[in-house]
Amino acid sequence: MLAVLLSLEQGAAAASLDRWRLLSDRVMGGISVGEAQETVVAGRRCLRMRGDVRLENNGGFIQIATDLDEGQRRAFAKGEGIELSVYGNAESYNVHLRTDAMRYPWQSYRASFQANAEWQTLRLPFSEFQAHRVEGEFEPGQVRRIGLVAIGRAFGADLCVAEVSVY
């Protein structure tokens, strides 16, 4: 691993958890609701995001996100992708990467993953990230924020994340 962005494994620094924040479409008038908390699910410590994604009022997302420090940004420049240890409710979620060049909150590079009701480790290569409302090539060294997002349809979100790394 080139950089660990979140780790709740035994002995991991708790400070990484403090940098993650819950955001929702309420900042733009939506009515989705969610919560994020540290907990234990199926025997593993994790950051759990739960809530209801609603589409009314042009809404449609909840997310947990963190801004990257300089060391993490350097790791993105050398990395091949994102590795996640997740547990969920058999729903599809996204990883959104935002770069220095993005001016609007809806712009990102995105990749989807399925979070099943068992712990799994997933690798999302940078080559699988698709531009969303942004032009230009994806430059991993320009990433400044990562978000794990429940988005785009009305559903009950329940995503647990034990580790996020750049590989």
N, C-alpha and C. Protein backbone atom coordinates (compact mmCIF):
# COMPACT_ATOMS: atom_id res chain seq x y z
N MET A 1 0.83 -1.18 0.00
CA MET A 1 0.00 0.00 0.00
C MET A 1 0.88 1.24 0.00
N LEU A 2 0.50 2.19 -0.82
CA LEU A 2 1.25 3.44 -0.89
C LEU A 2 0.78 4.43 0.18
N ALA A 3 -0.53 4.40 0.49
CA ALA A 3 -1.06 5.30 1.52
C ALA A 3 -2.35 4.71 2.06
N VAL A 4 -2.51 4.79 3.37
CA VAL A 4 -3.75 4.39 4.01
C VAL A 4 -4.54 5.66 4.30
N LEU A 5 -5.76 5.72 3.78
CA LEU A 5 -6.61 6.89 3.96
C LEU A 5 -7.56 6.71 5.13
N LEU A 6 -7.88 5.46 5.44
CA LEU A 6 -8.71 5.13 6.59
C LEU A 6 -8.37 3.72 7.00
N SER A 7 -8.09 3.50 8.28
CA SER A 7 -7.88 2.15 8.78
C SER A 7 -8.40 2.08 10.20
N LEU A 8 -9.30 1.15 10.43
CA LEU A 8 -9.83 0.93 11.77
C LEU A 8 -9.42 -0.44 12.29
N GLU A 9 -8.37 -1.00 11.70
CA GLU A 9 -7.84 -2.27 12.14
C GLU A 9 -7.19 -2.10 13.51
N GLN A 10 -7.00 -3.20 14.20
CA GLN A 10 -6.39 -3.18 15.53
C GLN A 10 -5.08 -2.41 15.50
N GLY A 11 -4.94 -1.44 16.38
CA GLY A 11 -3.71 -0.68 16.48
C GLY A 11 -3.59 0.49 15.52
N ALA A 12 -4.55 0.68 14.63
CA ALA A 12 -4.48 1.79 13.68
C ALA A 12 -4.74 3.11 14.40
N ALA A 13 -4.16 4.16 13.86
CA ALA A 13 -4.34 5.48 14.46
C ALA A 13 -5.78 5.95 14.31
N ALA A 14 -6.40 6.37 15.40
CA ALA A 14 -7.78 6.85 15.36
C ALA A 14 -7.89 8.19 14.66
N ALA A 15 -6.77 8.91 14.52
CA ALA A 15 -6.82 10.24 13.92
C ALA A 15 -7.36 10.20 12.49
N SER A 16 -7.13 9.12 11.76
CA SER A 16 -7.61 9.06 10.39
C SER A 16 -9.13 9.13 10.33
N LEU A 17 -9.80 8.57 11.33
CA LEU A 17 -11.25 8.59 11.37
C LEU A 17 -11.78 10.01 11.55
N ASP A 18 -11.09 10.82 12.30
CA ASP A 18 -11.52 12.19 12.58
C ASP A 18 -11.59 13.06 11.33
N ARG A 19 -10.89 12.68 10.30
CA ARG A 19 -10.85 13.50 9.08
C ARG A 19 -12.02 13.24 8.14
N TRP A 20 -12.80 12.19 8.37
CA TRP A 20 -13.92 11.83 7.52
C TRP A 20 -15.18 12.52 8.01
N ARG A 21 -15.95 13.07 7.07
CA ARG A 21 -17.18 13.81 7.39
C ARG A 21 -18.34 13.29 6.57
N LEU A 22 -19.52 13.34 7.16
CA LEU A 22 -20.75 13.00 6.44
C LEU A 22 -21.26 14.25 5.75
N LEU A 23 -21.61 14.12 4.48
CA LEU A 23 -22.20 15.20 3.70
C LEU A 23 -23.45 14.65 3.03
N SER A 24 -24.42 15.53 2.77
CA SER A 24 -25.62 15.09 2.07
C SER A 24 -26.10 16.16 1.11
N ASP A 25 -27.12 15.82 0.34
CA ASP A 25 -27.70 16.76 -0.61
C ASP A 25 -28.41 17.92 0.07
N ARG A 26 -28.52 17.90 1.38
CA ARG A 26 -29.18 19.01 2.11
C ARG A 26 -28.46 20.33 1.88
N VAL A 27 -27.16 20.28 1.56
CA VAL A 27 -26.43 21.52 1.29
C VAL A 27 -26.94 22.20 0.02
N MET A 28 -27.71 21.45 -0.80
CA MET A 28 -28.25 22.00 -2.04
C MET A 28 -29.78 21.95 -2.06
N GLY A 29 -30.40 21.79 -0.89
CA GLY A 29 -31.85 21.79 -0.83
C GLY A 29 -32.51 20.43 -0.85
N GLY A 30 -31.73 19.34 -0.95
CA GLY A 30 -32.30 18.00 -0.95
C GLY A 30 -32.75 17.59 0.45
N ILE A 31 -33.32 16.39 0.55
CA ILE A 31 -33.84 15.95 1.85
C ILE A 31 -33.31 14.57 2.26
N SER A 32 -32.23 14.12 1.64
CA SER A 32 -31.61 12.86 2.06
C SER A 32 -31.04 13.04 3.47
N VAL A 33 -31.10 11.99 4.26
CA VAL A 33 -30.59 12.04 5.63
C VAL A 33 -29.62 10.88 5.85
N GLY A 34 -28.64 11.12 6.70
CA GLY A 34 -27.69 10.06 6.98
C GLY A 34 -26.94 10.32 8.27
N GLU A 35 -26.19 9.30 8.66
CA GLU A 35 -25.33 9.41 9.82
C GLU A 35 -24.08 8.58 9.56
N ALA A 36 -23.00 8.94 10.22
CA ALA A 36 -21.76 8.19 10.14
C ALA A 36 -21.24 8.01 11.56
N GLN A 37 -20.85 6.79 11.87
CA GLN A 37 -20.33 6.52 13.21
C GLN A 37 -19.36 5.36 13.18
N GLU A 38 -18.44 5.37 14.14
CA GLU A 38 -17.56 4.23 14.31
C GLU A 38 -18.32 3.15 15.05
N THR A 39 -18.20 1.91 14.56
CA THR A 39 -18.91 0.80 15.18
C THR A 39 -18.19 -0.50 14.85
N VAL A 40 -18.77 -1.62 15.28
CA VAL A 40 -18.26 -2.95 14.93
C VAL A 40 -19.37 -3.67 14.18
N VAL A 41 -19.04 -4.20 13.00
CA VAL A 41 -19.99 -4.95 12.17
C VAL A 41 -19.32 -6.25 11.77
N ALA A 42 -19.98 -7.36 12.04
CA ALA A 42 -19.48 -8.69 11.70
C ALA A 42 -18.03 -8.88 12.16
N GLY A 43 -17.76 -8.41 13.38
CA GLY A 43 -16.45 -8.61 13.99
C GLY A 43 -15.36 -7.64 13.61
N ARG A 44 -15.65 -6.62 12.81
CA ARG A 44 -14.61 -5.66 12.41
C ARG A 44 -15.02 -4.23 12.75
N ARG A 45 -14.06 -3.46 13.25
CA ARG A 45 -14.29 -2.03 13.46
C ARG A 45 -14.40 -1.36 12.11
N CYS A 46 -15.31 -0.40 12.03
CA CYS A 46 -15.52 0.27 10.74
C CYS A 46 -16.17 1.63 10.95
N LEU A 47 -16.12 2.42 9.88
CA LEU A 47 -16.90 3.65 9.78
C LEU A 47 -18.15 3.26 9.01
N ARG A 48 -19.31 3.46 9.64
CA ARG A 48 -20.58 3.04 9.04
C ARG A 48 -21.39 4.26 8.63
N MET A 49 -21.77 4.30 7.36
CA MET A 49 -22.65 5.34 6.84
C MET A 49 -24.00 4.72 6.58
N ARG A 50 -25.01 5.28 7.24
CA ARG A 50 -26.38 4.80 7.04
C ARG A 50 -27.29 5.98 6.79
N GLY A 51 -28.34 5.73 6.01
CA GLY A 51 -29.31 6.80 5.79
C GLY A 51 -30.24 6.48 4.65
N ASP A 52 -31.08 7.45 4.34
CA ASP A 52 -32.05 7.33 3.26
C ASP A 52 -31.72 8.34 2.18
N VAL A 53 -31.44 7.83 0.99
CA VAL A 53 -31.20 8.69 -0.17
C VAL A 53 -32.56 8.98 -0.78
N ARG A 54 -32.86 10.27 -0.91
CA ARG A 54 -34.16 10.71 -1.44
C ARG A 54 -33.91 11.59 -2.66
N LEU A 55 -34.83 11.55 -3.61
CA LEU A 55 -34.66 12.28 -4.86
C LEU A 55 -35.42 13.61 -4.92
N GLU A 56 -36.30 13.84 -3.96
CA GLU A 56 -37.08 15.09 -3.96
C GLU A 56 -36.16 16.30 -3.87
N ASN A 57 -36.64 17.44 -4.39
CA ASN A 57 -35.91 18.72 -4.35
C ASN A 57 -34.53 18.62 -5.02
N ASN A 58 -34.47 17.84 -6.11
CA ASN A 58 -33.21 17.66 -6.85
C ASN A 58 -32.11 17.06 -6.00
N GLY A 59 -32.49 16.24 -5.03
CA GLY A 59 -31.52 15.60 -4.16
C GLY A 59 -31.05 14.28 -4.74
N GLY A 60 -30.43 13.49 -3.87
CA GLY A 60 -30.05 12.16 -4.28
C GLY A 60 -28.71 11.64 -3.82
N PHE A 61 -28.17 12.11 -2.66
CA PHE A 61 -26.92 11.51 -2.20
C PHE A 61 -26.68 11.74 -0.72
N ILE A 62 -25.93 10.82 -0.14
CA ILE A 62 -25.23 11.00 1.13
C ILE A 62 -23.83 10.44 0.90
N GLN A 63 -22.86 10.98 1.63
CA GLN A 63 -21.48 10.50 1.45
C GLN A 63 -20.65 10.73 2.69
N ILE A 64 -19.59 9.94 2.80
CA ILE A 64 -18.53 10.22 3.76
C ILE A 64 -17.31 10.57 2.92
N ALA A 65 -16.63 11.64 3.30
CA ALA A 65 -15.53 12.16 2.48
C ALA A 65 -14.41 12.70 3.36
N THR A 66 -13.23 12.76 2.77
CA THR A 66 -12.08 13.34 3.45
C THR A 66 -11.21 14.08 2.44
N ASP A 67 -10.59 15.15 2.90
CA ASP A 67 -9.58 15.85 2.12
C ASP A 67 -8.24 15.18 2.36
N LEU A 68 -7.40 15.13 1.35
CA LEU A 68 -6.12 14.46 1.44
C LEU A 68 -5.03 15.40 1.91
N ASP A 69 -4.10 14.86 2.71
CA ASP A 69 -2.93 15.65 3.07
C ASP A 69 -1.88 15.49 1.98
N GLU A 70 -0.78 16.21 2.09
CA GLU A 70 0.23 16.21 1.02
C GLU A 70 0.83 14.82 0.78
N GLY A 71 1.08 14.06 1.83
CA GLY A 71 1.63 12.73 1.66
C GLY A 71 0.67 11.80 0.93
N GLN A 72 -0.60 11.89 1.25
CA GLN A 72 -1.60 11.08 0.57
C GLN A 72 -1.71 11.47 -0.90
N ARG A 73 -1.62 12.76 -1.16
CA ARG A 73 -1.68 13.23 -2.56
C ARG A 73 -0.50 12.70 -3.37
N ARG A 74 0.67 12.67 -2.76
CA ARG A 74 1.85 12.11 -3.45
C ARG A 74 1.65 10.63 -3.74
N ALA A 75 1.02 9.92 -2.81
CA ALA A 75 0.75 8.49 -3.02
C ALA A 75 -0.20 8.27 -4.19
N PHE A 76 -1.20 9.13 -4.33
CA PHE A 76 -2.11 9.02 -5.47
C PHE A 76 -1.34 9.14 -6.78
N ALA A 77 -0.36 10.04 -6.83
CA ALA A 77 0.41 10.24 -8.06
C ALA A 77 1.18 8.97 -8.45
N LYS A 78 1.58 8.16 -7.46
CA LYS A 78 2.35 6.94 -7.72
C LYS A 78 1.46 5.71 -7.80
N GLY A 79 0.19 5.83 -7.42
CA GLY A 79 -0.67 4.67 -7.28
C GLY A 79 -1.32 4.19 -8.56
N GLU A 80 -1.92 3.01 -8.43
CA GLU A 80 -2.66 2.39 -9.53
C GLU A 80 -4.16 2.41 -9.30
N GLY A 81 -4.59 2.60 -8.04
CA GLY A 81 -6.02 2.58 -7.75
C GLY A 81 -6.31 2.66 -6.27
N ILE A 82 -7.58 2.42 -5.95
CA ILE A 82 -8.09 2.47 -4.58
C ILE A 82 -8.44 1.05 -4.13
N GLU A 83 -8.05 0.71 -2.91
CA GLU A 83 -8.45 -0.57 -2.31
C GLU A 83 -9.35 -0.28 -1.13
N LEU A 84 -10.49 -0.98 -1.06
CA LEU A 84 -11.49 -0.77 -0.01
C LEU A 84 -11.79 -2.09 0.69
N SER A 85 -11.93 -2.05 2.01
CA SER A 85 -12.50 -3.18 2.75
C SER A 85 -13.87 -2.74 3.20
N VAL A 86 -14.91 -3.37 2.62
CA VAL A 86 -16.29 -2.90 2.83
C VAL A 86 -17.24 -4.04 3.17
N TYR A 87 -18.33 -3.65 3.79
CA TYR A 87 -19.45 -4.53 4.13
C TYR A 87 -20.69 -3.69 3.89
N GLY A 88 -21.72 -4.26 3.28
CA GLY A 88 -22.89 -3.43 2.98
C GLY A 88 -24.19 -4.20 2.97
N ASN A 89 -25.11 -3.65 2.25
CA ASN A 89 -26.47 -4.19 2.17
C ASN A 89 -26.83 -4.60 0.74
N ALA A 90 -25.83 -5.10 0.01
CA ALA A 90 -26.02 -5.58 -1.37
C ALA A 90 -26.49 -4.48 -2.31
N GLU A 91 -26.06 -3.25 -2.04
CA GLU A 91 -26.38 -2.11 -2.90
C GLU A 91 -25.10 -1.63 -3.59
N SER A 92 -25.28 -0.83 -4.61
CA SER A 92 -24.18 -0.24 -5.34
C SER A 92 -23.85 1.13 -4.75
N TYR A 93 -22.57 1.39 -4.61
CA TYR A 93 -22.06 2.66 -4.09
C TYR A 93 -20.98 3.17 -5.04
N ASN A 94 -20.55 4.40 -4.84
CA ASN A 94 -19.52 5.01 -5.68
C ASN A 94 -18.34 5.47 -4.84
N VAL A 95 -17.20 5.53 -5.50
CA VAL A 95 -16.06 6.30 -5.01
C VAL A 95 -15.96 7.51 -5.92
N HIS A 96 -15.94 8.70 -5.33
CA HIS A 96 -15.78 9.95 -6.09
C HIS A 96 -14.44 10.55 -5.73
N LEU A 97 -13.67 10.87 -6.75
CA LEU A 97 -12.39 11.55 -6.58
C LEU A 97 -12.50 12.95 -7.16
N ARG A 98 -12.13 13.94 -6.36
CA ARG A 98 -12.16 15.33 -6.82
C ARG A 98 -10.73 15.85 -6.91
N THR A 99 -10.48 16.64 -7.96
CA THR A 99 -9.13 17.16 -8.19
C THR A 99 -9.09 18.68 -7.99
N ASP A 100 -7.88 19.20 -8.05
CA ASP A 100 -7.67 20.65 -7.91
C ASP A 100 -8.39 21.44 -9.00
N ALA A 101 -8.58 20.84 -10.16
CA ALA A 101 -9.16 21.55 -11.31
C ALA A 101 -10.68 21.68 -11.23
N MET A 102 -11.32 21.01 -10.29
CA MET A 102 -12.78 21.03 -10.22
C MET A 102 -13.29 22.22 -9.43
N ARG A 103 -14.25 22.93 -10.05
CA ARG A 103 -14.81 24.13 -9.42
C ARG A 103 -16.18 23.90 -8.83
N TYR A 104 -16.91 22.91 -9.32
CA TYR A 104 -18.31 22.71 -8.91
C TYR A 104 -18.46 21.41 -8.13
N PRO A 105 -19.36 21.37 -7.16
CA PRO A 105 -19.48 20.18 -6.29
C PRO A 105 -19.94 18.93 -7.01
N TRP A 106 -20.57 19.04 -8.16
CA TRP A 106 -21.06 17.86 -8.87
C TRP A 106 -19.99 17.22 -9.76
N GLN A 107 -18.84 17.85 -9.88
CA GLN A 107 -17.78 17.32 -10.73
C GLN A 107 -16.94 16.29 -9.96
N SER A 108 -16.61 15.19 -10.61
CA SER A 108 -15.76 14.17 -10.00
C SER A 108 -15.37 13.13 -11.04
N TYR A 109 -14.44 12.28 -10.65
CA TYR A 109 -14.16 11.04 -11.36
C TYR A 109 -14.73 9.94 -10.50
N ARG A 110 -15.51 9.02 -11.12
CA ARG A 110 -16.32 8.08 -10.36
C ARG A 110 -16.10 6.64 -10.78
N ALA A 111 -16.17 5.76 -9.79
CA ALA A 111 -16.20 4.31 -10.03
C ALA A 111 -17.21 3.72 -9.06
N SER A 112 -17.92 2.70 -9.51
CA SER A 112 -18.95 2.05 -8.70
C SER A 112 -18.45 0.72 -8.16
N PHE A 113 -19.06 0.30 -7.05
CA PHE A 113 -18.78 -1.01 -6.48
C PHE A 113 -20.02 -1.51 -5.76
N GLN A 114 -20.10 -2.82 -5.62
CA GLN A 114 -21.19 -3.48 -4.91
C GLN A 114 -20.69 -3.83 -3.52
N ALA A 115 -21.43 -3.45 -2.48
CA ALA A 115 -21.07 -3.77 -1.10
C ALA A 115 -22.03 -4.85 -0.60
N ASN A 116 -21.55 -6.08 -0.58
CA ASN A 116 -22.37 -7.21 -0.18
C ASN A 116 -22.40 -7.36 1.34
N ALA A 117 -23.25 -8.23 1.82
CA ALA A 117 -23.43 -8.45 3.26
C ALA A 117 -22.38 -9.43 3.79
N GLU A 118 -21.14 -9.15 3.46
CA GLU A 118 -19.97 -9.86 3.99
C GLU A 118 -18.77 -8.95 3.76
N TRP A 119 -17.75 -9.09 4.60
CA TRP A 119 -16.55 -8.28 4.41
C TRP A 119 -15.84 -8.72 3.14
N GLN A 120 -15.48 -7.74 2.34
CA GLN A 120 -14.75 -8.01 1.10
C GLN A 120 -13.75 -6.90 0.86
N THR A 121 -12.66 -7.24 0.20
CA THR A 121 -11.66 -6.26 -0.20
C THR A 121 -11.76 -6.10 -1.71
N LEU A 122 -11.95 -4.87 -2.14
CA LEU A 122 -12.14 -4.55 -3.55
C LEU A 122 -11.03 -3.63 -4.02
N ARG A 123 -10.63 -3.82 -5.27
CA ARG A 123 -9.66 -2.92 -5.90
C ARG A 123 -10.33 -2.23 -7.07
N LEU A 124 -10.24 -0.91 -7.08
CA LEU A 124 -10.78 -0.10 -8.17
C LEU A 124 -9.61 0.62 -8.84
N PRO A 125 -9.15 0.11 -9.98
CA PRO A 125 -8.04 0.76 -10.69
C PRO A 125 -8.44 2.16 -11.17
N PHE A 126 -7.50 3.07 -11.15
CA PHE A 126 -7.77 4.43 -11.62
C PHE A 126 -8.30 4.42 -13.06
N SER A 127 -7.91 3.43 -13.85
CA SER A 127 -8.37 3.35 -15.24
C SER A 127 -9.88 3.12 -15.35
N GLU A 128 -10.54 2.68 -14.27
CA GLU A 128 -11.98 2.45 -14.28
C GLU A 128 -12.79 3.69 -13.87
N PHE A 129 -12.14 4.73 -13.40
CA PHE A 129 -12.85 5.94 -12.97
C PHE A 129 -13.29 6.72 -14.20
N GLN A 130 -14.55 7.13 -14.21
CA GLN A 130 -15.14 7.86 -15.32
C GLN A 130 -15.35 9.32 -14.94
N ALA A 131 -15.08 10.21 -15.88
CA ALA A 131 -15.30 11.64 -15.67
C ALA A 131 -16.80 11.91 -15.57
N HIS A 132 -17.20 12.72 -14.59
CA HIS A 132 -18.59 13.12 -14.44
C HIS A 132 -18.66 14.65 -14.44
N ARG A 133 -19.22 15.18 -15.52
CA ARG A 133 -19.38 16.63 -15.70
C ARG A 133 -18.07 17.39 -15.60
N VAL A 134 -17.04 16.76 -16.12
CA VAL A 134 -15.72 17.37 -16.15
C VAL A 134 -15.02 16.93 -17.43
N GLU A 135 -14.22 17.79 -17.98
CA GLU A 135 -13.46 17.48 -19.19
C GLU A 135 -12.02 17.21 -18.80
N GLY A 136 -11.34 16.48 -19.64
CA GLY A 136 -9.91 16.27 -19.42
C GLY A 136 -9.60 14.89 -18.86
N GLU A 137 -8.34 14.57 -18.96
CA GLU A 137 -7.83 13.29 -18.49
C GLU A 137 -7.74 13.28 -16.96
N PHE A 138 -7.96 12.12 -16.39
CA PHE A 138 -7.81 11.95 -14.95
C PHE A 138 -6.32 11.92 -14.60
N GLU A 139 -5.93 12.77 -13.66
CA GLU A 139 -4.56 12.84 -13.19
C GLU A 139 -4.54 12.51 -11.70
N PRO A 140 -4.19 11.27 -11.34
CA PRO A 140 -4.24 10.87 -9.93
C PRO A 140 -3.47 11.80 -8.99
N GLY A 141 -2.38 12.39 -9.45
CA GLY A 141 -1.60 13.28 -8.60
C GLY A 141 -2.30 14.58 -8.26
N GLN A 142 -3.43 14.86 -8.90
CA GLN A 142 -4.19 16.08 -8.62
C GLN A 142 -5.37 15.84 -7.68
N VAL A 143 -5.58 14.60 -7.23
CA VAL A 143 -6.71 14.30 -6.34
C VAL A 143 -6.51 15.01 -5.01
N ARG A 144 -7.57 15.68 -4.56
CA ARG A 144 -7.53 16.38 -3.27
C ARG A 144 -8.58 15.90 -2.29
N ARG A 145 -9.60 15.14 -2.79
CA ARG A 145 -10.67 14.66 -1.92
C ARG A 145 -11.18 13.33 -2.44
N ILE A 146 -11.53 12.45 -1.50
CA ILE A 146 -12.16 11.17 -1.84
C ILE A 146 -13.46 11.07 -1.05
N GLY A 147 -14.50 10.59 -1.72
CA GLY A 147 -15.79 10.37 -1.08
C GLY A 147 -16.33 8.99 -1.40
N LEU A 148 -16.97 8.38 -0.43
CA LEU A 148 -17.70 7.13 -0.62
C LEU A 148 -19.16 7.51 -0.57
N VAL A 149 -19.89 7.23 -1.67
CA VAL A 149 -21.15 7.90 -1.91
C VAL A 149 -22.28 6.92 -2.22
N ALA A 150 -23.42 7.16 -1.58
CA ALA A 150 -24.69 6.53 -1.94
C ALA A 150 -25.44 7.57 -2.76
N ILE A 151 -25.74 7.26 -4.03
CA ILE A 151 -26.19 8.32 -4.94
C ILE A 151 -27.09 7.79 -6.05
N GLY A 152 -27.96 8.70 -6.52
CA GLY A 152 -28.62 8.52 -7.80
C GLY A 152 -29.97 7.84 -7.83
N ARG A 153 -30.38 7.25 -6.75
CA ARG A 153 -31.68 6.59 -6.70
C ARG A 153 -32.15 6.58 -5.25
N ALA A 154 -33.44 6.47 -5.05
CA ALA A 154 -33.98 6.41 -3.70
C ALA A 154 -33.73 5.02 -3.12
N PHE A 155 -33.00 4.97 -2.00
CA PHE A 155 -32.75 3.68 -1.35
C PHE A 155 -32.21 3.90 0.06
N GLY A 156 -32.23 2.83 0.84
CA GLY A 156 -31.64 2.85 2.17
C GLY A 156 -30.18 2.46 2.08
N ALA A 157 -29.31 3.37 2.43
CA ALA A 157 -27.86 3.13 2.38
C ALA A 157 -27.38 2.55 3.70
N ASP A 158 -26.46 1.61 3.61
CA ASP A 158 -25.82 1.03 4.79
C ASP A 158 -24.47 0.48 4.34
N LEU A 159 -23.45 1.28 4.49
CA LEU A 159 -22.11 0.95 4.02
C LEU A 159 -21.13 1.04 5.19
N CYS A 160 -20.38 -0.05 5.41
CA CYS A 160 -19.36 -0.08 6.44
C CYS A 160 -18.00 -0.16 5.75
N VAL A 161 -17.06 0.64 6.23
CA VAL A 161 -15.73 0.70 5.62
C VAL A 161 -14.70 0.54 6.72
N ALA A 162 -13.86 -0.49 6.60
CA ALA A 162 -12.82 -0.74 7.60
C ALA A 162 -11.48 -0.16 7.16
N GLU A 163 -11.27 -0.09 5.82
CA GLU A 163 -10.00 0.44 5.34
C GLU A 163 -10.15 0.99 3.93
N VAL A 164 -9.45 2.10 3.67
CA VAL A 164 -9.35 2.69 2.34
C VAL A 164 -7.87 2.99 2.12
N SER A 165 -7.32 2.50 1.02
CA SER A 165 -5.90 2.67 0.73
C SER A 165 -5.69 2.97 -0.74
N VAL A 166 -4.52 3.53 -1.03
CA VAL A 166 -4.06 3.67 -2.41
C VAL A 166 -3.05 2.55 -2.62
N TYR A 167 -3.25 1.79 -3.70
CA TYR A 167 -2.29 0.73 -4.01
C TYR A 167 -1.53 1.06 -5.28
